[in-house]
Protein backbone atom coordinates (compact mmCIF):
# COMPACT_ATOMS: atom_id res chain seq x y z
CA UNK A 1 1.37 13.61 12.72
CA UNK A 2 3.68 11.60 14.01
CA UNK A 3 7.23 10.57 12.18
CA UNK A 4 7.31 7.11 10.17
CA UNK A 5 9.52 4.18 11.98
CA UNK A 6 12.48 3.16 10.20
CA UNK A 7 13.33 -0.57 11.06
CA UNK A 8 16.35 -0.59 8.83
CA UNK A 9 15.16 -3.77 6.86
CA UNK A 10 16.41 -2.98 3.85
CA UNK A 11 13.31 -3.07 1.88
CA UNK A 12 11.96 0.54 3.37
CA UNK A 13 11.97 3.11 1.26
CA UNK A 14 14.32 5.68 2.62
CA UNK A 15 13.59 8.89 0.46
CA UNK A 16 10.19 8.16 1.12
CA UNK A 17 10.70 8.35 4.98
CA UNK A 18 13.05 11.68 4.52
CA UNK A 19 10.64 13.20 2.80
CA UNK A 20 7.69 12.00 5.07
CA UNK A 21 9.49 13.52 7.80
CA UNK A 22 10.09 16.88 6.21
CA UNK A 23 6.15 17.33 5.70
CA UNK A 24 5.94 16.82 9.18
CA UNK A 25 8.67 19.53 9.87
CA UNK A 26 6.65 21.47 7.18
CA UNK A 27 3.46 21.02 8.77
CA UNK A 28 4.87 21.65 12.29
CA UNK A 29 6.71 24.76 11.23
CA UNK A 30 9.77 23.29 13.10
CA UNK A 31 13.18 24.60 11.17
CA UNK A 32 15.64 24.15 13.90
CA UNK A 33 18.20 21.43 13.07
CA UNK A 34 19.21 20.21 16.43
CA UNK A 35 15.50 19.73 17.14
CA UNK A 36 14.86 18.12 13.32
CA UNK A 37 17.80 15.59 14.52
CA UNK A 38 17.06 14.15 17.52
CA UNK A 39 13.40 13.54 16.31
CA UNK A 40 14.53 11.86 13.54
CA UNK A 41 16.86 9.42 15.63
CA UNK A 42 13.43 8.74 17.65
CA UNK A 43 12.26 7.04 14.96
CA UNK A 44 14.89 4.91 14.33
CA UNK A 45 13.88 0.87 15.93
CA UNK A 46 16.03 -2.10 15.51
CA UNK A 47 18.74 -2.89 12.83
CA UNK A 48 18.52 1.38 12.25
CA UNK A 49 18.66 2.41 16.15
CA UNK A 50 22.13 -0.19 16.08
CA UNK A 51 23.20 1.44 12.92
CA UNK A 52 23.10 5.07 14.49
CA UNK A 53 25.04 4.37 17.37
CA UNK A 54 27.74 3.03 15.77
CA UNK A 55 27.21 5.84 13.28
CA UNK A 56 27.15 8.81 15.44
CA UNK A 57 30.08 7.22 18.56
CA UNK A 58 28.04 9.64 20.62
CA UNK A 59 29.00 12.71 18.54
CA UNK A 60 26.46 15.24 16.66
CA UNK A 61 25.50 14.87 12.75
CA UNK A 62 24.41 17.04 10.62
CA UNK A 63 20.54 15.78 9.12
CA UNK A 64 22.55 15.75 5.29
CA UNK A 65 25.40 13.37 7.00
CA UNK A 66 22.30 11.16 8.36
CA UNK A 67 21.08 10.65 5.55
CA UNK A 68 23.84 10.44 3.16
CA UNK A 69 24.80 7.31 5.48
CA UNK A 70 21.59 6.21 5.73
CA UNK A 71 21.14 5.36 1.96
CA UNK A 72 24.58 4.10 1.62
CA UNK A 73 23.46 1.74 4.94
CA UNK A 74 20.39 0.31 4.28
CA UNK A 75 19.39 1.47 0.37
CA UNK A 76 16.96 -1.32 -0.58
CA UNK A 77 19.28 -3.53 -3.26
CA UNK A 78 16.85 -4.13 -5.61
CA UNK A 79 15.80 -0.22 -6.19
CA UNK A 80 17.35 1.18 -9.42
CA UNK A 81 19.54 4.05 -9.37
């Protein structure tokens, strides 16, 4: 099982992306938060990767910080609240 890619094109479902990442981690029995951060960062492509590099500024971020910031930045404008 591989983690899904996230391009940051505003049409992707961020909740679904995060859900799939969590499912993969559960199946692989991955519990280390630092490993999860490292793995999720490898799923970022294009705009999402550019955003993350600016967002992190080279400083470690938690999964919750990343999820909150991702949703704020790339939430689909057509999606319902």
